[in-house]
C-alpha atoms as a PDB file:
ATOM      1  CA  MET A   1      -6.023  -5.657  -7.880  1.00  0.00           C
ATOM      2  CA  LYS A   2      -6.568  -1.981  -8.662  1.00  0.00           C
ATOM      3  CA  PRO A   3      -3.776   0.453  -7.802  1.00  0.00           C
ATOM      4  CA  GLU A   4      -4.440   2.908  -4.986  1.00  0.00           C
ATOM      5  CA  THR A   5      -4.303   5.917  -7.303  1.00  0.00           C
ATOM      6  CA  ASP A   6      -4.701   6.472 -10.989  1.00  0.00           C
ATOM      7  CA  PRO A   7      -1.473   7.119 -12.885  1.00  0.00           C
ATOM      8  CA  ILE A   8      -0.358  10.688 -13.522  1.00  0.00           C
ATOM      9  CA  LEU A   9      -1.083  11.541 -17.124  1.00  0.00           C
ATOM     10  CA  GLN A  10       1.127  14.016 -18.979  1.00  0.00           C
ATOM     11  CA  ALA A  11      -0.314  16.144 -21.784  1.00  0.00           C
ATOM     12  CA  PHE A  12       1.382  16.906 -25.075  1.00  0.00           C
ATOM     13  CA  PRO A  13       3.464  19.967 -25.892  1.00  0.00           C
ATOM     14  CA  PRO A  14       1.631  22.620 -27.887  1.00  0.00           C
ATOM     15  CA  LEU A  15       1.249  22.265 -31.625  1.00  0.00           C
ATOM     16  CA  VAL A  16       2.072  25.843 -32.661  1.00  0.00           C
ATOM     17  CA  ASN A  17       4.240  27.923 -34.966  1.00  0.00           C
ATOM     18  CA  SER A  18       4.968  31.581 -35.679  1.00  0.00           C
ATOM     19  CA  SER A  19       1.946  31.972 -37.969  1.00  0.00           C
ATOM     20  CA  SER A  20      -0.572  30.657 -35.406  1.00  0.00           C
ATOM     21  CA  ARG A  21      -3.201  33.255 -34.491  1.00  0.00           C
ATOM     22  CA  VAL A  22      -5.915  31.106 -32.879  1.00  0.00           C
ATOM     23  CA  LEU A  23      -5.158  28.685 -30.037  1.00  0.00           C
ATOM     24  CA  ILE A  24      -7.636  25.829 -29.720  1.00  0.00           C
ATOM     25  CA  LEU A  25      -7.632  24.471 -26.177  1.00  0.00           C
ATOM     26  CA  GLY A  26      -8.946  21.126 -25.033  1.00  0.00           C
ATOM     27  CA  SER A  27      -8.936  19.897 -21.456  1.00  0.00           C
ATOM     28  CA  MET A  28      -6.642  16.815 -21.475  1.00  0.00           C
ATOM     29  CA  PRO A  29      -5.884  14.185 -24.150  1.00  0.00           C
ATOM     30  CA  SER A  30      -8.052  11.065 -24.123  1.00  0.00           C
ATOM     31  CA  VAL A  31      -6.727   7.597 -23.369  1.00  0.00           C
ATOM     32  CA  GLU A  32      -6.606   6.859 -27.111  1.00  0.00           C
ATOM     33  CA  SER A  33      -4.781  10.112 -27.858  1.00  0.00           C
ATOM     34  CA  LEU A  34      -2.215   9.406 -25.149  1.00  0.00           C
ATOM     35  CA  ARG A  35      -1.747   5.853 -26.452  1.00  0.00           C
ATOM     36  CA  LYS A  36      -1.188   7.067 -30.034  1.00  0.00           C
ATOM     37  CA  HIS A  37       0.690  10.249 -29.046  1.00  0.00           C
ATOM     38  CA  GLU A  38      -1.679  12.290 -31.232  1.00  0.00           C
ATOM     39  CA  TYR A  39      -4.126  15.064 -30.469  1.00  0.00           C
ATOM     40  CA  TYR A  40      -7.761  13.957 -30.937  1.00  0.00           C
ATOM     41  CA  ALA A  41      -6.898  10.372 -31.893  1.00  0.00           C
ATOM     42  CA  HIS A  42     -10.227   8.786 -30.940  1.00  0.00           C
ATOM     43  CA  PRO A  43     -11.789   7.773 -34.277  1.00  0.00           C
ATOM     44  CA  GLN A  44     -15.197   9.173 -33.286  1.00  0.00           C
ATOM     45  CA  ASN A  45     -13.866  12.567 -32.210  1.00  0.00           C
ATOM     46  CA  THR A  46     -14.822  15.020 -34.966  1.00  0.00           C
ATOM     47  CA  PHE A  47     -12.035  17.569 -34.367  1.00  0.00           C
ATOM     48  CA  TRP A  48      -9.853  16.794 -37.390  1.00  0.00           C
ATOM     49  CA  ARG A  49     -12.831  16.296 -39.699  1.00  0.00           C
ATOM     50  CA  ILE A  50     -14.229  19.678 -38.669  1.00  0.00           C
ATOM     51  CA  ILE A  51     -10.923  21.494 -39.174  1.00  0.00           C
ATOM     52  CA  HIS A  52     -10.578  20.083 -42.692  1.00  0.00           C
ATOM     53  CA  ASP A  53     -14.254  20.607 -43.554  1.00  0.00           C
ATOM     54  CA  LEU A  54     -14.011  24.282 -42.573  1.00  0.00           C
ATOM     55  CA  TRP A  55     -11.662  24.721 -45.538  1.00  0.00           C
ATOM     56  CA  ASP A  56     -13.445  22.138 -47.686  1.00  0.00           C
ATOM     57  CA  GLN A  57     -10.354  19.923 -47.810  1.00  0.00           C
ATOM     58  CA  PRO A  58     -10.117  16.130 -47.561  1.00  0.00           C
ATOM     59  CA  LEU A  59      -9.029  14.649 -44.237  1.00  0.00           C
ATOM     60  CA  SER A  60      -5.684  12.864 -44.339  1.00  0.00           C
ATOM     61  CA  SER A  61      -5.265   9.602 -42.470  1.00  0.00           C
ATOM     62  CA  VAL A  62      -1.666  10.652 -41.669  1.00  0.00           C
ATOM     63  CA  TYR A  63      -1.398  12.546 -38.379  1.00  0.00           C
ATOM     64  CA  ASP A  64       1.623  14.643 -39.426  1.00  0.00           C
ATOM     65  CA  GLN A  65      -0.308  15.865 -42.483  1.00  0.00           C
ATOM     66  CA  ARG A  66      -3.321  16.804 -40.320  1.00  0.00           C
ATOM     67  CA  ALA A  67      -1.030  18.666 -37.915  1.00  0.00           C
ATOM     68  CA  ARG A  68       0.660  20.519 -40.808  1.00  0.00           C
ATOM     69  CA  PHE A  69      -2.781  21.469 -42.210  1.00  0.00           C
ATOM     70  CA  LEU A  70      -3.730  22.943 -38.828  1.00  0.00           C
ATOM     71  CA  LEU A  71      -0.530  24.990 -38.629  1.00  0.00           C
ATOM     72  CA  ASP A  72      -0.813  26.071 -42.277  1.00  0.00           C
ATOM     73  CA  HIS A  73      -4.208  27.572 -41.400  1.00  0.00           C
ATOM     74  CA  GLN A  74      -2.824  29.730 -38.564  1.00  0.00           C
ATOM     75  CA  LEU A  75      -4.170  27.492 -35.815  1.00  0.00           C
ATOM     76  CA  ALA A  76      -2.442  26.170 -32.704  1.00  0.00           C
ATOM     77  CA  LEU A  77      -3.507  23.313 -30.473  1.00  0.00           C
ATOM     78  CA  TRP A  78      -2.905  22.598 -26.797  1.00  0.00           C
ATOM     79  CA  ASP A  79      -4.676  21.573 -23.608  1.00  0.00           C
ATOM     80  CA  VAL A  80      -5.436  23.503 -20.458  1.00  0.00           C
ATOM     81  CA  LEU A  81      -3.912  20.796 -18.297  1.00  0.00           C
ATOM     82  CA  ALA A  82      -0.256  19.794 -18.214  1.00  0.00           C
ATOM     83  CA  SER A  83      -1.011  16.759 -16.074  1.00  0.00           C
ATOM     84  CA  CYS A  84      -3.699  15.095 -14.022  1.00  0.00           C
ATOM     85  CA  GLN A  85      -4.911  11.807 -12.709  1.00  0.00           C
ATOM     86  CA  ARG A  86      -7.886  10.275 -14.454  1.00  0.00           C
ATOM     87  CA  GLU A  87      -9.372   6.834 -14.912  1.00  0.00           C
ATOM     88  CA  GLY A  88     -10.619   6.590 -18.486  1.00  0.00           C
ATOM     89  CA  SER A  89     -11.139   9.616 -20.731  1.00  0.00           C
ATOM     90  CA  ALA A  90     -14.036  11.449 -19.096  1.00  0.00           C
ATOM     91  CA  ASP A  91     -13.324  15.036 -18.097  1.00  0.00           C
ATOM     92  CA  SER A  92     -15.505  14.463 -15.036  1.00  0.00           C
ATOM     93  CA  ALA A  93     -12.916  11.945 -13.761  1.00  0.00           C
ATOM     94  CA  ILE A  94     -10.038  14.459 -13.729  1.00  0.00           C
ATOM     95  CA  LYS A  95      -8.265  14.753 -10.367  1.00  0.00           C
ATOM     96  CA  ASP A  96      -5.119  16.473  -9.102  1.00  0.00           C
ATOM     97  CA  ALA A  97      -4.880  18.645 -12.188  1.00  0.00           C
ATOM     98  CA  ILE A  98      -1.994  21.003 -12.932  1.00  0.00           C
ATOM     99  CA  ALA A  99      -2.434  23.696 -15.581  1.00  0.00           C
ATOM    100  CA  ASN A 100      -0.007  24.444 -18.369  1.00  0.00           C
ATOM    101  CA  ASP A 101       2.118  27.595 -18.098  1.00  0.00           C
ATOM    102  CA  PHE A 102       0.085  30.053 -20.148  1.00  0.00           C
ATOM    103  CA  PRO A 103       2.045  33.219 -19.280  1.00  0.00           C
ATOM    104  CA  ALA A 104       5.188  31.581 -20.676  1.00  0.00           C
ATOM    105  CA  PHE A 105       3.277  30.271 -23.699  1.00  0.00           C
ATOM    106  CA  PHE A 106       1.959  33.713 -24.637  1.00  0.00           C
ATOM    107  CA  GLN A 107       5.360  35.284 -24.074  1.00  0.00           C
ATOM    108  CA  THR A 108       6.797  32.792 -26.571  1.00  0.00           C
ATOM    109  CA  TRP A 109       3.878  33.078 -29.019  1.00  0.00           C
ATOM    110  CA  PRO A 110       2.745  36.749 -28.831  1.00  0.00           C
ATOM    111  CA  GLN A 111       1.018  36.682 -32.243  1.00  0.00           C
ATOM    112  CA  ILE A 112      -1.881  34.568 -30.903  1.00  0.00           C
ATOM    113  CA  ARG A 113      -4.989  36.729 -30.484  1.00  0.00           C
ATOM    114  CA  TRP A 114      -7.749  34.219 -29.758  1.00  0.00           C
ATOM    115  CA  ILE A 115      -8.344  31.197 -27.547  1.00  0.00           C
ATOM    116  CA  CYS A 116     -11.130  28.873 -28.670  1.00  0.00           C
ATOM    117  CA  PHE A 117     -12.180  26.303 -26.099  1.00  0.00           C
ATOM    118  CA  ASN A 118     -13.068  22.858 -27.426  1.00  0.00           C
ATOM    119  CA  GLY A 119     -15.920  22.121 -25.011  1.00  0.00           C
ATOM    120  CA  GLN A 120     -17.157  23.678 -21.802  1.00  0.00           C
ATOM    121  CA  THR A 121     -14.770  21.772 -19.546  1.00  0.00           C
ATOM    122  CA  ALA A 122     -11.740  23.357 -21.220  1.00  0.00           C
ATOM    123  CA  GLY A 123     -13.197  26.827 -20.681  1.00  0.00           C
ATOM    124  CA  LYS A 124     -14.110  26.112 -17.063  1.00  0.00           C
ATOM    125  CA  LEU A 125     -10.688  24.630 -16.288  1.00  0.00           C
ATOM    126  CA  PHE A 126      -8.957  27.634 -17.858  1.00  0.00           C
ATOM    127  CA  ASP A 127     -11.051  30.001 -15.745  1.00  0.00           C
ATOM    128  CA  ARG A 128     -10.586  28.012 -12.530  1.00  0.00           C
ATOM    129  CA  MET A 129      -6.917  27.051 -12.910  1.00  0.00           C
ATOM    130  CA  VAL A 130      -5.357  29.854 -14.954  1.00  0.00           C
ATOM    131  CA  LEU A 131      -7.370  33.051 -14.631  1.00  0.00           C
ATOM    132  CA  ARG A 132      -8.792  33.047 -11.085  1.00  0.00           C
ATOM    133  CA  PRO A 133      -5.638  31.962  -9.213  1.00  0.00           C
ATOM    134  CA  ASN A 134      -3.856  34.960 -10.738  1.00  0.00           C
ATOM    135  CA  GLY A 135      -6.679  37.412 -10.071  1.00  0.00           C
ATOM    136  CA  TRP A 136      -7.441  37.706 -13.798  1.00  0.00           C
ATOM    137  CA  ARG A 137     -11.032  38.098 -14.958  1.00  0.00           C
ATOM    138  CA  SER A 138     -10.492  37.531 -18.672  1.00  0.00           C
ATOM    139  CA  PRO A 139      -7.828  36.347 -21.107  1.00  0.00           C
ATOM    140  CA  ALA A 140      -7.010  40.020 -21.805  1.00  0.00           C
ATOM    141  CA  ASP A 141      -5.737  40.275 -18.211  1.00  0.00           C
ATOM    142  CA  LEU A 142      -3.293  37.466 -19.034  1.00  0.00           C
ATOM    143  CA  LYS A 143      -2.226  39.034 -22.340  1.00  0.00           C
ATOM    144  CA  PRO A 144      -3.511  42.387 -23.621  1.00  0.00           C
ATOM    145  CA  GLY A 145      -5.700  41.962 -26.700  1.00  0.00           C
ATOM    146  CA  LEU A 146      -6.300  38.255 -26.096  1.00  0.00           C
ATOM    147  CA  ALA A 147      -9.945  37.176 -26.381  1.00  0.00           C
ATOM    148  CA  ALA A 148     -11.738  33.849 -26.067  1.00  0.00           C
ATOM    149  CA  CYS A 149     -14.668  32.007 -27.561  1.00  0.00           C
ATOM    150  CA  GLN A 150     -16.456  28.899 -26.381  1.00  0.00           C
ATOM    151  CA  LEU A 151     -17.074  26.150 -28.935  1.00  0.00           C
ATOM    152  CA  GLY A 152     -19.035  22.937 -28.659  1.00  0.00           C
ATOM    153  CA  SER A 153     -17.035  19.838 -27.851  1.00  0.00           C
ATOM    154  CA  THR A 154     -15.877  17.575 -30.666  1.00  0.00           C
ATOM    155  CA  SER A 155     -15.869  14.599 -28.286  1.00  0.00           C
ATOM    156  CA  PRO A 156     -18.013  11.570 -29.117  1.00  0.00           C
ATOM    157  CA  ALA A 157     -19.369  11.812 -25.550  1.00  0.00           C
ATOM    158  CA  HIS A 158     -21.506  14.770 -26.684  1.00  0.00           C
ATOM    159  CA  ALA A 159     -24.435  13.716 -28.864  1.00  0.00           C
ATOM    160  CA  ILE A 160     -24.687  16.662 -31.243  1.00  0.00           C
ATOM    161  CA  ALA A 161     -25.345  16.460 -34.970  1.00  0.00           C
ATOM    162  CA  TYR A 162     -22.174  16.902 -37.013  1.00  0.00           C
ATOM    163  CA  GLU A 163     -23.677  19.739 -39.062  1.00  0.00           C
ATOM    164  CA  GLN A 164     -24.415  21.668 -35.857  1.00  0.00           C
ATOM    165  CA  ARG A 165     -20.836  21.176 -34.618  1.00  0.00           C
ATOM    166  CA  LEU A 166     -19.433  22.286 -37.944  1.00  0.00           C
ATOM    167  CA  GLN A 167     -21.623  25.396 -37.961  1.00  0.00           C
ATOM    168  CA  ASP A 168     -20.490  26.263 -34.419  1.00  0.00           C
ATOM    169  CA  TRP A 169     -16.826  25.799 -35.343  1.00  0.00           C
ATOM    170  CA  GLN A 170     -17.217  28.134 -38.339  1.00  0.00           C
ATOM    171  CA  ARG A 171     -16.355  30.842 -35.790  1.00  0.00           C
ATOM    172  CA  VAL A 172     -12.721  29.691 -35.908  1.00  0.00           C
ATOM    173  CA  LYS A 173     -12.506  30.440 -39.601  1.00  0.00           C
ATOM    174  CA  ASP A 174     -14.421  33.709 -39.123  1.00  0.00           C
ATOM    175  CA  LEU A 175     -11.932  34.867 -36.469  1.00  0.00           C
ATOM    176  CA  LEU A 176      -9.065  34.334 -38.874  1.00  0.00           C
ATOM    177  CA  ALA A 177     -10.867  36.090 -41.716  1.00  0.00           C
ATOM    178  CA  ASN A 178     -11.812  39.114 -39.604  1.00  0.00           C
ATOM    179  CA  GLY A 179      -8.464  39.854 -38.065  1.00  0.00           C
END
């Protein structure tokens, strides 16, 4: 017998440190990520492979080493949503979503200058649940100098050639190189 409602899913805390300059935002961790307590844990998600390939470095099988690599390259990682209900991992199944507290995040981490959205859903959720409710039209209204870029999703649900994804994500490295 199926329960009346899907369970409330809780997202992870941000993966960030004082050298982080680019915040990569997803929508909500997948079922596999929640089960393993790791960002982007689905074996077919290309996120970690892309991040390492941008710097032409081998991908570690150890999550803590992947997370350290991300932080060592001035990147931060979080999700737009703090919690939601969802059956399965599809973003289209998200219900009763609550956004993370971005004003508090940027007060704590003022050195971050860019948000890069991992997939269109993350960008749309950020606009709908963070910007618009506060009367903000852009990330710069949330934090002066903050800008955003939209990247293609690394999810296996999106059938895009790896080389095309990697080329799109080159913007992350370019942002860091250009200030």
